[in-house]
Amino acid sequence: MAEGLRERNKREKLERAKKAARELFARHGFEATTIRQIAEHAGIGLGTLYSYVQTKHELLDLVFLDDWGRVEDESYASLPEDAELVEALLHVFGRMMDHYARDPEMSRLYVRETLFPGAGDMGPRLERGVRVLQRVGGLVERAQQRGEVDLRIEPLSAATNLFGLYLVHLSAWLSGLRGQEDTRAALRTSLELQLRGLRPAPSLGRKSRT
């Protein structure tokens, strides 16, 4: 069905608001930017902007979530079927890092506001977090079927640990503590260490008594 004029106008204004928000956040910082300034910079009425979002936090989500969701989908779609768990995780997490590398300043802002939110509707962020963990949990389940991970381990719990390691290294990189390639290497080491604890225990044959 063709997009109607009203829907097209709404979409175009929202895109202008997102573009204005990105520019003003980068120029003045998130805290110093007001939603009124964003409306003025986008050339739309404040009331119109409020009909789309209630806070600048929601705008920040909109700026990131569409692109981020596309990158996440592409990372799983391009995942080699035969990739073992660590390689699969590095593939997915590496694509995410590449996306953040396109705009480090905005990425730092988004990661900070996601991990330590000051205000705004947490619904989209929580939904995104649940989806991320479920998809990582799917990788754990796939590894369980191959015998890489103990079947007694709950995939979502393992996914929480694995994604937590990624967030630690992502934060260190975005904070400037190390470069991107060093971060990838450190992340690999951490994931390999974690996988050692997820592997099935070797079956030990009982010694026969003589």
N, C-alpha and C. Protein backbone atom coordinates (compact mmCIF):
# COMPACT_ATOMS: atom_id res chain seq x y z
N MET A 1 0.85 -1.19 0.00
CA MET A 1 0.00 0.00 0.00
C MET A 1 0.90 1.25 0.00
N ALA A 2 0.57 2.17 -0.88
CA ALA A 2 1.36 3.39 -0.99
C ALA A 2 1.23 4.24 0.27
N GLU A 3 2.33 4.90 0.62
CA GLU A 3 2.35 5.75 1.80
C GLU A 3 1.55 7.02 1.53
N GLY A 4 0.61 7.34 2.43
CA GLY A 4 -0.21 8.53 2.27
C GLY A 4 0.58 9.79 2.56
N LEU A 5 0.03 10.93 2.13
CA LEU A 5 0.71 12.21 2.32
C LEU A 5 0.92 12.50 3.79
N ARG A 6 -0.09 12.24 4.62
CA ARG A 6 0.02 12.52 6.05
C ARG A 6 1.11 11.67 6.69
N GLU A 7 1.15 10.39 6.34
CA GLU A 7 2.16 9.50 6.91
C GLU A 7 3.55 9.90 6.45
N ARG A 8 3.67 10.31 5.18
CA ARG A 8 4.97 10.73 4.66
C ARG A 8 5.45 11.99 5.36
N ASN A 9 4.56 12.94 5.56
CA ASN A 9 4.92 14.17 6.26
C ASN A 9 5.38 13.89 7.68
N LYS A 10 4.65 12.99 8.34
CA LYS A 10 5.02 12.64 9.71
C LYS A 10 6.39 11.98 9.75
N ARG A 11 6.63 11.06 8.82
CA ARG A 11 7.92 10.37 8.79
C ARG A 11 9.05 11.36 8.51
N GLU A 12 8.84 12.26 7.56
CA GLU A 12 9.88 13.23 7.21
C GLU A 12 10.20 14.16 8.37
N LYS A 13 9.17 14.59 9.11
CA LYS A 13 9.41 15.46 10.25
C LYS A 13 10.15 14.72 11.36
N LEU A 14 9.79 13.48 11.55
CA LEU A 14 10.48 12.70 12.58
C LEU A 14 11.94 12.49 12.19
N GLU A 15 12.21 12.24 10.92
CA GLU A 15 13.59 12.08 10.47
C GLU A 15 14.37 13.38 10.66
N ARG A 16 13.74 14.51 10.41
CA ARG A 16 14.39 15.81 10.65
C ARG A 16 14.69 16.00 12.12
N ALA A 17 13.77 15.58 12.97
CA ALA A 17 13.99 15.70 14.42
C ALA A 17 15.15 14.82 14.87
N LYS A 18 15.24 13.62 14.34
CA LYS A 18 16.33 12.71 14.68
C LYS A 18 17.67 13.28 14.22
N LYS A 19 17.69 13.84 13.02
CA LYS A 19 18.91 14.43 12.49
C LYS A 19 19.33 15.64 13.34
N ALA A 20 18.35 16.47 13.71
CA ALA A 20 18.64 17.64 14.54
C ALA A 20 19.14 17.22 15.92
N ALA A 21 18.54 16.19 16.49
CA ALA A 21 18.96 15.71 17.80
C ALA A 21 20.40 15.22 17.75
N ARG A 22 20.74 14.46 16.73
CA ARG A 22 22.11 13.95 16.60
C ARG A 22 23.10 15.11 16.51
N GLU A 23 22.78 16.12 15.72
CA GLU A 23 23.69 17.25 15.53
C GLU A 23 23.85 18.06 16.82
N LEU A 24 22.74 18.32 17.52
CA LEU A 24 22.81 19.13 18.73
C LEU A 24 23.45 18.38 19.89
N PHE A 25 23.18 17.08 19.99
CA PHE A 25 23.82 16.29 21.04
C PHE A 25 25.33 16.32 20.85
N ALA A 26 25.77 16.19 19.60
CA ALA A 26 27.22 16.19 19.31
C ALA A 26 27.83 17.56 19.54
N ARG A 27 27.08 18.62 19.26
CA ARG A 27 27.61 19.98 19.35
C ARG A 27 27.61 20.51 20.78
N HIS A 28 26.51 20.30 21.50
CA HIS A 28 26.35 20.91 22.82
C HIS A 28 26.35 19.91 23.98
N GLY A 29 26.28 18.62 23.66
CA GLY A 29 26.17 17.62 24.72
C GLY A 29 24.72 17.30 24.98
N PHE A 30 24.49 16.12 25.50
CA PHE A 30 23.12 15.66 25.72
C PHE A 30 22.42 16.48 26.80
N GLU A 31 23.09 16.70 27.91
CA GLU A 31 22.45 17.39 29.04
C GLU A 31 22.09 18.83 28.70
N ALA A 32 22.93 19.50 27.91
CA ALA A 32 22.71 20.91 27.62
C ALA A 32 21.67 21.14 26.53
N THR A 33 21.33 20.11 25.80
CA THR A 33 20.38 20.24 24.69
C THR A 33 18.96 20.07 25.20
N THR A 34 18.07 20.94 24.79
CA THR A 34 16.66 20.85 25.18
C THR A 34 15.84 20.37 24.00
N ILE A 35 14.68 19.82 24.31
CA ILE A 35 13.81 19.34 23.24
C ILE A 35 13.26 20.51 22.42
N ARG A 36 13.16 21.68 23.04
CA ARG A 36 12.73 22.87 22.29
C ARG A 36 13.79 23.24 21.24
N GLN A 37 15.06 23.18 21.62
CA GLN A 37 16.13 23.47 20.68
C GLN A 37 16.12 22.48 19.51
N ILE A 38 15.83 21.24 19.82
CA ILE A 38 15.78 20.21 18.76
C ILE A 38 14.65 20.52 17.78
N ALA A 39 13.49 20.91 18.30
CA ALA A 39 12.35 21.25 17.44
C ALA A 39 12.69 22.44 16.55
N GLU A 40 13.31 23.45 17.13
CA GLU A 40 13.67 24.64 16.36
C GLU A 40 14.71 24.31 15.29
N HIS A 41 15.69 23.51 15.66
CA HIS A 41 16.75 23.15 14.70
C HIS A 41 16.18 22.30 13.57
N ALA A 42 15.17 21.50 13.87
CA ALA A 42 14.55 20.64 12.86
C ALA A 42 13.53 21.40 12.01
N GLY A 43 13.15 22.61 12.47
CA GLY A 43 12.18 23.40 11.73
C GLY A 43 10.77 22.88 11.85
N ILE A 44 10.44 22.30 13.02
CA ILE A 44 9.08 21.81 13.25
C ILE A 44 8.58 22.39 14.57
N GLY A 45 7.29 22.39 14.76
CA GLY A 45 6.71 22.93 15.98
C GLY A 45 6.99 22.06 17.19
N LEU A 46 7.11 22.70 18.35
CA LEU A 46 7.36 21.94 19.57
C LEU A 46 6.23 20.96 19.84
N GLY A 47 5.00 21.41 19.62
CA GLY A 47 3.85 20.52 19.82
C GLY A 47 3.89 19.32 18.90
N THR A 48 4.34 19.55 17.66
CA THR A 48 4.47 18.44 16.72
C THR A 48 5.49 17.43 17.20
N LEU A 49 6.64 17.92 17.70
CA LEU A 49 7.66 17.01 18.20
C LEU A 49 7.16 16.23 19.40
N TYR A 50 6.41 16.90 20.27
CA TYR A 50 5.86 16.21 21.44
C TYR A 50 4.82 15.16 21.06
N SER A 51 4.25 15.28 19.86
CA SER A 51 3.30 14.26 19.42
C SER A 51 4.02 12.98 19.01
N TYR A 52 5.34 13.08 18.78
CA TYR A 52 6.13 11.91 18.41
C TYR A 52 6.87 11.33 19.62
N VAL A 53 7.48 12.20 20.41
CA VAL A 53 8.25 11.77 21.58
C VAL A 53 7.96 12.72 22.73
N GLN A 54 8.14 12.24 23.94
CA GLN A 54 7.90 13.06 25.12
C GLN A 54 9.18 13.63 25.71
N THR A 55 10.31 12.99 25.45
CA THR A 55 11.58 13.44 26.04
C THR A 55 12.71 13.30 25.01
N LYS A 56 13.81 13.98 25.30
CA LYS A 56 14.98 13.85 24.42
C LYS A 56 15.60 12.46 24.56
N HIS A 57 15.36 11.78 25.68
CA HIS A 57 15.84 10.42 25.85
C HIS A 57 15.19 9.50 24.81
N GLU A 58 13.90 9.71 24.56
CA GLU A 58 13.22 8.91 23.55
C GLU A 58 13.79 9.19 22.17
N LEU A 59 14.15 10.44 21.91
CA LEU A 59 14.77 10.78 20.64
C LEU A 59 16.13 10.09 20.50
N LEU A 60 16.87 10.04 21.59
CA LEU A 60 18.17 9.36 21.56
C LEU A 60 17.97 7.89 21.21
N ASP A 61 16.94 7.28 21.78
CA ASP A 61 16.64 5.89 21.44
C ASP A 61 16.33 5.75 19.95
N LEU A 62 15.53 6.66 19.43
CA LEU A 62 15.15 6.59 18.02
C LEU A 62 16.36 6.77 17.11
N VAL A 63 17.27 7.66 17.51
CA VAL A 63 18.48 7.90 16.71
C VAL A 63 19.27 6.61 16.55
N PHE A 64 19.31 5.80 17.62
CA PHE A 64 20.16 4.62 17.61
C PHE A 64 19.44 3.33 17.26
N LEU A 65 18.22 3.13 17.74
CA LEU A 65 17.63 1.80 17.69
C LEU A 65 17.38 1.29 16.28
N ASP A 66 16.96 2.16 15.37
CA ASP A 66 16.70 1.70 14.01
C ASP A 66 17.97 1.16 13.36
N ASP A 67 19.04 1.97 13.39
CA ASP A 67 20.30 1.55 12.78
C ASP A 67 20.89 0.36 13.53
N TRP A 68 20.81 0.40 14.85
CA TRP A 68 21.39 -0.66 15.65
C TRP A 68 20.68 -1.98 15.38
N GLY A 69 19.36 -1.94 15.28
CA GLY A 69 18.60 -3.16 14.99
C GLY A 69 18.97 -3.74 13.64
N ARG A 70 19.18 -2.88 12.65
CA ARG A 70 19.57 -3.35 11.32
C ARG A 70 20.94 -4.02 11.37
N VAL A 71 21.88 -3.41 12.08
CA VAL A 71 23.23 -3.98 12.20
C VAL A 71 23.17 -5.33 12.92
N GLU A 72 22.36 -5.41 13.97
CA GLU A 72 22.23 -6.67 14.71
C GLU A 72 21.66 -7.76 13.81
N ASP A 73 20.61 -7.43 13.05
CA ASP A 73 20.01 -8.42 12.14
C ASP A 73 21.01 -8.89 11.11
N GLU A 74 21.78 -7.97 10.55
CA GLU A 74 22.77 -8.33 9.54
C GLU A 74 23.87 -9.21 10.13
N SER A 75 24.24 -8.95 11.38
CA SER A 75 25.31 -9.74 12.00
C SER A 75 24.90 -11.20 12.17
N TYR A 76 23.64 -11.43 12.51
CA TYR A 76 23.16 -12.81 12.66
C TYR A 76 22.91 -13.45 11.30
N ALA A 77 22.44 -12.67 10.34
CA ALA A 77 22.18 -13.21 9.01
C ALA A 77 23.47 -13.66 8.32
N SER A 78 24.58 -12.98 8.62
CA SER A 78 25.86 -13.31 7.99
C SER A 78 26.70 -14.26 8.83
N LEU A 79 26.16 -14.76 9.91
CA LEU A 79 26.91 -15.64 10.81
C LEU A 79 27.13 -17.01 10.16
N PRO A 80 28.37 -17.46 10.04
CA PRO A 80 28.63 -18.78 9.46
C PRO A 80 27.98 -19.89 10.29
N GLU A 81 27.36 -20.84 9.61
CA GLU A 81 26.65 -21.91 10.30
C GLU A 81 27.58 -22.76 11.16
N ASP A 82 28.83 -22.91 10.72
CA ASP A 82 29.74 -23.80 11.43
C ASP A 82 30.59 -23.08 12.48
N ALA A 83 30.30 -21.80 12.75
CA ALA A 83 31.11 -21.04 13.70
C ALA A 83 30.90 -21.57 15.12
N GLU A 84 32.00 -21.84 15.81
CA GLU A 84 31.90 -22.24 17.20
C GLU A 84 31.52 -21.02 18.04
N LEU A 85 31.18 -21.25 19.30
CA LEU A 85 30.55 -20.20 20.11
C LEU A 85 31.39 -18.93 20.20
N VAL A 86 32.66 -19.05 20.53
CA VAL A 86 33.49 -17.85 20.68
C VAL A 86 33.56 -17.08 19.36
N GLU A 87 33.75 -17.78 18.26
CA GLU A 87 33.84 -17.11 16.96
C GLU A 87 32.50 -16.47 16.60
N ALA A 88 31.40 -17.14 16.93
CA ALA A 88 30.07 -16.58 16.65
C ALA A 88 29.85 -15.30 17.45
N LEU A 89 30.23 -15.32 18.71
CA LEU A 89 30.07 -14.15 19.56
C LEU A 89 30.95 -13.00 19.08
N LEU A 90 32.18 -13.30 18.69
CA LEU A 90 33.07 -12.26 18.20
C LEU A 90 32.54 -11.67 16.88
N HIS A 91 31.90 -12.51 16.09
CA HIS A 91 31.30 -12.02 14.84
C HIS A 91 30.19 -11.02 15.15
N VAL A 92 29.28 -11.41 16.03
CA VAL A 92 28.14 -10.54 16.37
C VAL A 92 28.61 -9.29 17.11
N PHE A 93 29.39 -9.48 18.17
CA PHE A 93 29.85 -8.33 18.96
C PHE A 93 30.76 -7.43 18.13
N GLY A 94 31.55 -8.02 17.23
CA GLY A 94 32.44 -7.22 16.39
C GLY A 94 31.66 -6.31 15.45
N ARG A 95 30.54 -6.81 14.90
CA ARG A 95 29.71 -5.97 14.05
C ARG A 95 29.11 -4.81 14.84
N MET A 96 28.73 -5.09 16.08
CA MET A 96 28.19 -4.03 16.93
C MET A 96 29.26 -2.96 17.19
N MET A 97 30.48 -3.40 17.47
CA MET A 97 31.56 -2.46 17.72
C MET A 97 31.86 -1.62 16.48
N ASP A 98 31.82 -2.25 15.32
CA ASP A 98 32.05 -1.51 14.08
C ASP A 98 31.01 -0.41 13.90
N HIS A 99 29.78 -0.71 14.30
CA HIS A 99 28.71 0.28 14.20
C HIS A 99 28.98 1.45 15.16
N TYR A 100 29.39 1.13 16.37
CA TYR A 100 29.70 2.18 17.33
C TYR A 100 30.88 3.02 16.87
N ALA A 101 31.82 2.39 16.16
CA ALA A 101 33.03 3.10 15.72
C ALA A 101 32.73 4.19 14.70
N ARG A 102 31.57 4.12 14.05
CA ARG A 102 31.22 5.14 13.05
C ARG A 102 31.00 6.50 13.69
N ASP A 103 30.56 6.50 14.94
CA ASP A 103 30.29 7.77 15.63
C ASP A 103 30.58 7.57 17.11
N PRO A 104 31.87 7.55 17.50
CA PRO A 104 32.24 7.25 18.88
C PRO A 104 31.61 8.18 19.91
N GLU A 105 31.53 9.47 19.61
CA GLU A 105 30.97 10.42 20.58
C GLU A 105 29.52 10.08 20.89
N MET A 106 28.72 9.88 19.84
CA MET A 106 27.33 9.55 20.05
C MET A 106 27.17 8.17 20.68
N SER A 107 28.07 7.27 20.34
CA SER A 107 28.02 5.92 20.91
C SER A 107 28.29 5.95 22.41
N ARG A 108 29.27 6.75 22.83
CA ARG A 108 29.53 6.88 24.26
C ARG A 108 28.30 7.40 24.99
N LEU A 109 27.67 8.37 24.39
CA LEU A 109 26.46 8.95 24.98
C LEU A 109 25.37 7.90 25.09
N TYR A 110 25.15 7.16 24.02
CA TYR A 110 24.06 6.19 24.04
C TYR A 110 24.33 5.06 25.02
N VAL A 111 25.55 4.54 25.04
CA VAL A 111 25.89 3.46 25.97
C VAL A 111 25.73 3.94 27.41
N ARG A 112 26.19 5.15 27.69
CA ARG A 112 26.06 5.69 29.05
C ARG A 112 24.59 5.83 29.45
N GLU A 113 23.79 6.39 28.56
CA GLU A 113 22.38 6.59 28.88
C GLU A 113 21.61 5.28 28.95
N THR A 114 22.09 4.26 28.24
CA THR A 114 21.44 2.95 28.30
C THR A 114 21.77 2.23 29.59
N LEU A 115 23.06 2.28 29.98
CA LEU A 115 23.48 1.58 31.19
C LEU A 115 23.12 2.34 32.46
N PHE A 116 23.14 3.67 32.37
CA PHE A 116 22.85 4.49 33.55
C PHE A 116 21.83 5.56 33.16
N PRO A 117 20.60 5.15 32.90
CA PRO A 117 19.59 6.10 32.41
C PRO A 117 19.23 7.16 33.44
N GLY A 118 19.11 8.39 32.93
CA GLY A 118 18.71 9.48 33.82
C GLY A 118 17.22 9.67 33.84
N ALA A 119 16.57 9.43 32.71
CA ALA A 119 15.12 9.62 32.61
C ALA A 119 14.66 9.00 31.31
N GLY A 120 13.38 9.19 31.00
CA GLY A 120 12.86 8.72 29.74
C GLY A 120 12.18 7.37 29.85
N ASP A 121 11.50 7.02 28.79
CA ASP A 121 10.78 5.75 28.72
C ASP A 121 11.78 4.62 28.55
N MET A 122 11.84 3.71 29.51
CA MET A 122 12.78 2.61 29.46
C MET A 122 12.26 1.44 28.63
N GLY A 123 11.00 1.51 28.19
CA GLY A 123 10.41 0.40 27.46
C GLY A 123 11.22 -0.06 26.27
N PRO A 124 11.56 0.85 25.33
CA PRO A 124 12.33 0.41 24.15
C PRO A 124 13.69 -0.18 24.52
N ARG A 125 14.35 0.39 25.52
CA ARG A 125 15.66 -0.13 25.90
C ARG A 125 15.55 -1.51 26.53
N LEU A 126 14.52 -1.70 27.36
CA LEU A 126 14.32 -3.01 27.98
C LEU A 126 13.97 -4.06 26.94
N GLU A 127 13.11 -3.69 26.00
CA GLU A 127 12.75 -4.63 24.93
C GLU A 127 13.98 -5.01 24.12
N ARG A 128 14.80 -4.01 23.83
CA ARG A 128 16.02 -4.28 23.07
C ARG A 128 16.95 -5.19 23.87
N GLY A 129 17.10 -4.92 25.17
CA GLY A 129 17.97 -5.74 26.01
C GLY A 129 17.53 -7.18 26.07
N VAL A 130 16.23 -7.40 26.19
CA VAL A 130 15.70 -8.76 26.23
C VAL A 130 15.97 -9.47 24.91
N ARG A 131 15.75 -8.76 23.80
CA ARG A 131 15.98 -9.36 22.48
C ARG A 131 17.45 -9.73 22.29
N VAL A 132 18.33 -8.84 22.72
CA VAL A 132 19.77 -9.11 22.58
C VAL A 132 20.14 -10.37 23.34
N LEU A 133 19.68 -10.49 24.58
CA LEU A 133 20.03 -11.66 25.39
C LEU A 133 19.40 -12.93 24.83
N GLN A 134 18.20 -12.84 24.29
CA GLN A 134 17.57 -14.01 23.70
C GLN A 134 18.34 -14.52 22.49
N ARG A 135 18.84 -13.58 21.69
CA ARG A 135 19.57 -14.00 20.50
C ARG A 135 20.94 -14.58 20.87
N VAL A 136 21.60 -13.99 21.86
CA VAL A 136 22.85 -14.58 22.34
C VAL A 136 22.57 -15.94 22.97
N GLY A 137 21.45 -16.04 23.68
CA GLY A 137 21.05 -17.33 24.24
C GLY A 137 20.85 -18.38 23.16
N GLY A 138 20.36 -17.94 21.99
CA GLY A 138 20.22 -18.87 20.87
C GLY A 138 21.56 -19.42 20.41
N LEU A 139 22.60 -18.58 20.46
CA LEU A 139 23.93 -19.05 20.12
C LEU A 139 24.43 -20.07 21.14
N VAL A 140 24.09 -19.84 22.40
CA VAL A 140 24.47 -20.80 23.45
C VAL A 140 23.76 -22.13 23.22
N GLU A 141 22.47 -22.08 22.88
CA GLU A 141 21.72 -23.32 22.62
C GLU A 141 22.33 -24.09 21.45
N ARG A 142 22.72 -23.36 20.41
CA ARG A 142 23.35 -24.00 19.25
C ARG A 142 24.65 -24.68 19.68
N ALA A 143 25.41 -24.01 20.56
CA ALA A 143 26.66 -24.60 21.06
C ALA A 143 26.38 -25.82 21.92
N GLN A 144 25.28 -25.79 22.65
CA GLN A 144 24.91 -26.97 23.47
C GLN A 144 24.63 -28.18 22.59
N GLN A 145 23.97 -27.96 21.47
CA GLN A 145 23.66 -29.05 20.56
C GLN A 145 24.92 -29.67 19.97
N ARG A 146 25.98 -28.88 19.89
CA ARG A 146 27.24 -29.37 19.35
C ARG A 146 28.15 -29.96 20.42
N GLY A 147 27.75 -29.86 21.67
CA GLY A 147 28.56 -30.38 22.76
C GLY A 147 29.59 -29.41 23.29
N GLU A 148 29.53 -28.15 22.85
CA GLU A 148 30.48 -27.14 23.35
C GLU A 148 30.13 -26.65 24.74
N VAL A 149 28.84 -26.66 25.07
CA VAL A 149 28.36 -26.11 26.33
C VAL A 149 27.53 -27.17 27.04
N ASP A 150 27.71 -27.25 28.34
CA ASP A 150 26.98 -28.21 29.16
C ASP A 150 25.48 -28.00 29.01
N LEU A 151 24.75 -29.09 28.78
CA LEU A 151 23.30 -29.02 28.60
C LEU A 151 22.57 -28.58 29.86
N ARG A 152 23.22 -28.67 31.00
CA ARG A 152 22.56 -28.28 32.26
C ARG A 152 22.58 -26.77 32.47
N ILE A 153 23.33 -26.06 31.67
CA ILE A 153 23.43 -24.60 31.80
C ILE A 153 22.24 -23.94 31.13
N GLU A 154 21.63 -22.99 31.83
CA GLU A 154 20.49 -22.25 31.29
C GLU A 154 21.00 -21.23 30.28
N PRO A 155 20.57 -21.31 29.01
CA PRO A 155 21.14 -20.45 27.98
C PRO A 155 21.04 -18.95 28.26
N LEU A 156 19.93 -18.50 28.83
CA LEU A 156 19.78 -17.07 29.08
C LEU A 156 20.75 -16.59 30.16
N SER A 157 21.02 -17.44 31.16
CA SER A 157 21.99 -17.07 32.19
C SER A 157 23.39 -16.97 31.59
N ALA A 158 23.72 -17.92 30.74
CA ALA A 158 25.03 -17.86 30.08
C ALA A 158 25.11 -16.64 29.18
N ALA A 159 24.02 -16.33 28.47
CA ALA A 159 24.00 -15.16 27.59
C ALA A 159 24.22 -13.88 28.37
N THR A 160 23.65 -13.79 29.57
CA THR A 160 23.82 -12.61 30.41
C THR A 160 25.29 -12.43 30.76
N ASN A 161 25.97 -13.53 31.12
CA ASN A 161 27.40 -13.44 31.44
C ASN A 161 28.22 -13.03 30.23
N LEU A 162 27.92 -13.64 29.09
CA LEU A 162 28.71 -13.38 27.88
C LEU A 162 28.52 -11.94 27.39
N PHE A 163 27.28 -11.48 27.41
CA PHE A 163 27.03 -10.11 26.98
C PHE A 163 27.61 -9.12 27.98
N GLY A 164 27.63 -9.49 29.25
CA GLY A 164 28.24 -8.63 30.27
C GLY A 164 29.72 -8.43 30.00
N LEU A 165 30.40 -9.49 29.56
CA LEU A 165 31.82 -9.35 29.21
C LEU A 165 32.00 -8.38 28.05
N TYR A 166 31.12 -8.50 27.07
CA TYR A 166 31.18 -7.58 25.93
C TYR A 166 31.00 -6.14 26.39
N LEU A 167 30.05 -5.89 27.27
CA LEU A 167 29.80 -4.53 27.74
C LEU A 167 31.01 -3.97 28.49
N VAL A 168 31.69 -4.80 29.28
CA VAL A 168 32.88 -4.35 30.00
C VAL A 168 33.95 -3.88 29.02
N HIS A 169 34.21 -4.69 28.00
CA HIS A 169 35.24 -4.34 27.03
C HIS A 169 34.79 -3.19 26.14
N LEU A 170 33.51 -3.15 25.78
CA LEU A 170 32.99 -2.03 24.99
C LEU A 170 33.17 -0.72 25.74
N SER A 171 32.85 -0.72 27.02
CA SER A 171 32.97 0.49 27.82
C SER A 171 34.42 0.94 27.92
N ALA A 172 35.33 -0.02 28.08
CA ALA A 172 36.76 0.32 28.15
C ALA A 172 37.22 0.95 26.85
N TRP A 173 36.76 0.41 25.72
CA TRP A 173 37.15 0.95 24.42
C TRP A 173 36.57 2.35 24.20
N LEU A 174 35.27 2.51 24.47
CA LEU A 174 34.64 3.81 24.26
C LEU A 174 35.19 4.86 25.22
N SER A 175 35.73 4.42 26.35
CA SER A 175 36.33 5.35 27.31
C SER A 175 37.75 5.74 26.92
N GLY A 176 38.29 5.11 25.88
CA GLY A 176 39.62 5.43 25.42
C GLY A 176 40.72 4.69 26.14
N LEU A 177 40.37 3.65 26.91
CA LEU A 177 41.39 2.91 27.66
C LEU A 177 42.23 2.02 26.77
N ARG A 178 41.65 1.58 25.64
CA ARG A 178 42.42 0.79 24.68
C ARG A 178 41.81 0.95 23.29
N GLY A 179 42.58 0.58 22.28
CA GLY A 179 42.11 0.69 20.91
C GLY A 179 41.14 -0.42 20.55
N GLN A 180 40.54 -0.30 19.37
CA GLN A 180 39.52 -1.26 18.98
C GLN A 180 40.09 -2.66 18.79
N GLU A 181 41.24 -2.79 18.14
CA GLU A 181 41.81 -4.11 17.91
C GLU A 181 42.26 -4.76 19.22
N ASP A 182 42.85 -3.97 20.11
CA ASP A 182 43.23 -4.51 21.42
C ASP A 182 41.99 -4.94 22.20
N THR A 183 40.91 -4.21 22.02
CA THR A 183 39.66 -4.56 22.70
C THR A 183 39.13 -5.89 22.18
N ARG A 184 39.18 -6.09 20.87
CA ARG A 184 38.74 -7.36 20.30
C ARG A 184 39.57 -8.53 20.85
N ALA A 185 40.88 -8.32 20.96
CA ALA A 185 41.74 -9.38 21.47
C ALA A 185 41.44 -9.68 22.93
N ALA A 186 41.23 -8.63 23.72
CA ALA A 186 40.90 -8.82 25.14
C ALA A 186 39.54 -9.49 25.29
N LEU A 187 38.60 -9.12 24.44
CA LEU A 187 37.27 -9.74 24.48
C LEU A 187 37.36 -11.22 24.15
N ARG A 188 38.16 -11.56 23.16
CA ARG A 188 38.34 -12.98 22.82
C ARG A 188 38.87 -13.76 24.02
N THR A 189 39.87 -13.21 24.68
CA THR A 189 40.44 -13.89 25.86
C THR A 189 39.38 -14.10 26.93
N SER A 190 38.58 -13.08 27.19
CA SER A 190 37.54 -13.19 28.22
C SER A 190 36.49 -14.22 27.84
N LEU A 191 36.09 -14.24 26.58
CA LEU A 191 35.08 -15.20 26.14
C LEU A 191 35.61 -16.63 26.21
N GLU A 192 36.86 -16.80 25.85
CA GLU A 192 37.45 -18.14 25.92
C GLU A 192 37.54 -18.63 27.36
N LEU A 193 37.88 -17.71 28.28
CA LEU A 193 37.91 -18.09 29.70
C LEU A 193 36.52 -18.47 30.18
N GLN A 194 35.51 -17.71 29.77
CA GLN A 194 34.15 -18.00 30.17
C GLN A 194 33.70 -19.36 29.62
N LEU A 195 34.07 -19.64 28.39
CA LEU A 195 33.65 -20.89 27.77
C LEU A 195 34.23 -22.10 28.50
N ARG A 196 35.40 -21.94 29.07
CA ARG A 196 35.97 -23.05 29.83
C ARG A 196 35.05 -23.47 30.97
N GLY A 197 34.41 -22.48 31.57
CA GLY A 197 33.48 -22.79 32.66
C GLY A 197 32.14 -23.31 32.19
N LEU A 198 31.83 -23.15 30.89
CA LEU A 198 30.55 -23.61 30.35
C LEU A 198 30.64 -25.00 29.74
N ARG A 199 31.86 -25.47 29.50
CA ARG A 199 32.01 -26.76 28.83
C ARG A 199 31.57 -27.90 29.74
N PRO A 200 31.10 -28.98 29.14
CA PRO A 200 30.75 -30.15 29.96
C PRO A 200 31.98 -30.69 30.67
N ALA A 201 31.76 -31.17 31.88
CA ALA A 201 32.87 -31.76 32.63
C ALA A 201 33.26 -33.07 31.97
N PRO A 202 34.55 -33.35 31.85
CA PRO A 202 34.96 -34.61 31.24
C PRO A 202 34.54 -35.79 32.11
N SER A 203 34.07 -36.83 31.46
CA SER A 203 33.65 -38.02 32.21
C SER A 203 34.90 -38.79 32.62
N LEU A 204 35.00 -39.05 33.90
CA LEU A 204 36.16 -39.74 34.43
C LEU A 204 35.81 -41.20 34.67
N GLY A 205 36.55 -42.07 34.03
CA GLY A 205 36.30 -43.50 34.23
C GLY A 205 36.71 -43.93 35.63
N ARG A 206 35.92 -44.80 36.21
CA ARG A 206 36.26 -45.28 37.56
C ARG A 206 37.39 -46.28 37.49
N LYS A 207 38.30 -46.15 38.45
CA LYS A 207 39.40 -47.09 38.52
C LYS A 207 38.89 -48.43 39.01
N SER A 208 39.30 -49.47 38.31
CA SER A 208 38.85 -50.82 38.72
C SER A 208 39.69 -51.27 39.90
N ARG A 209 39.02 -51.96 40.81
CA ARG A 209 39.72 -52.47 41.99
C ARG A 209 40.33 -53.84 41.65
N THR A 210 41.54 -54.05 42.14
CA THR A 210 42.17 -55.33 41.89
C THR A 210 42.26 -56.09 43.18
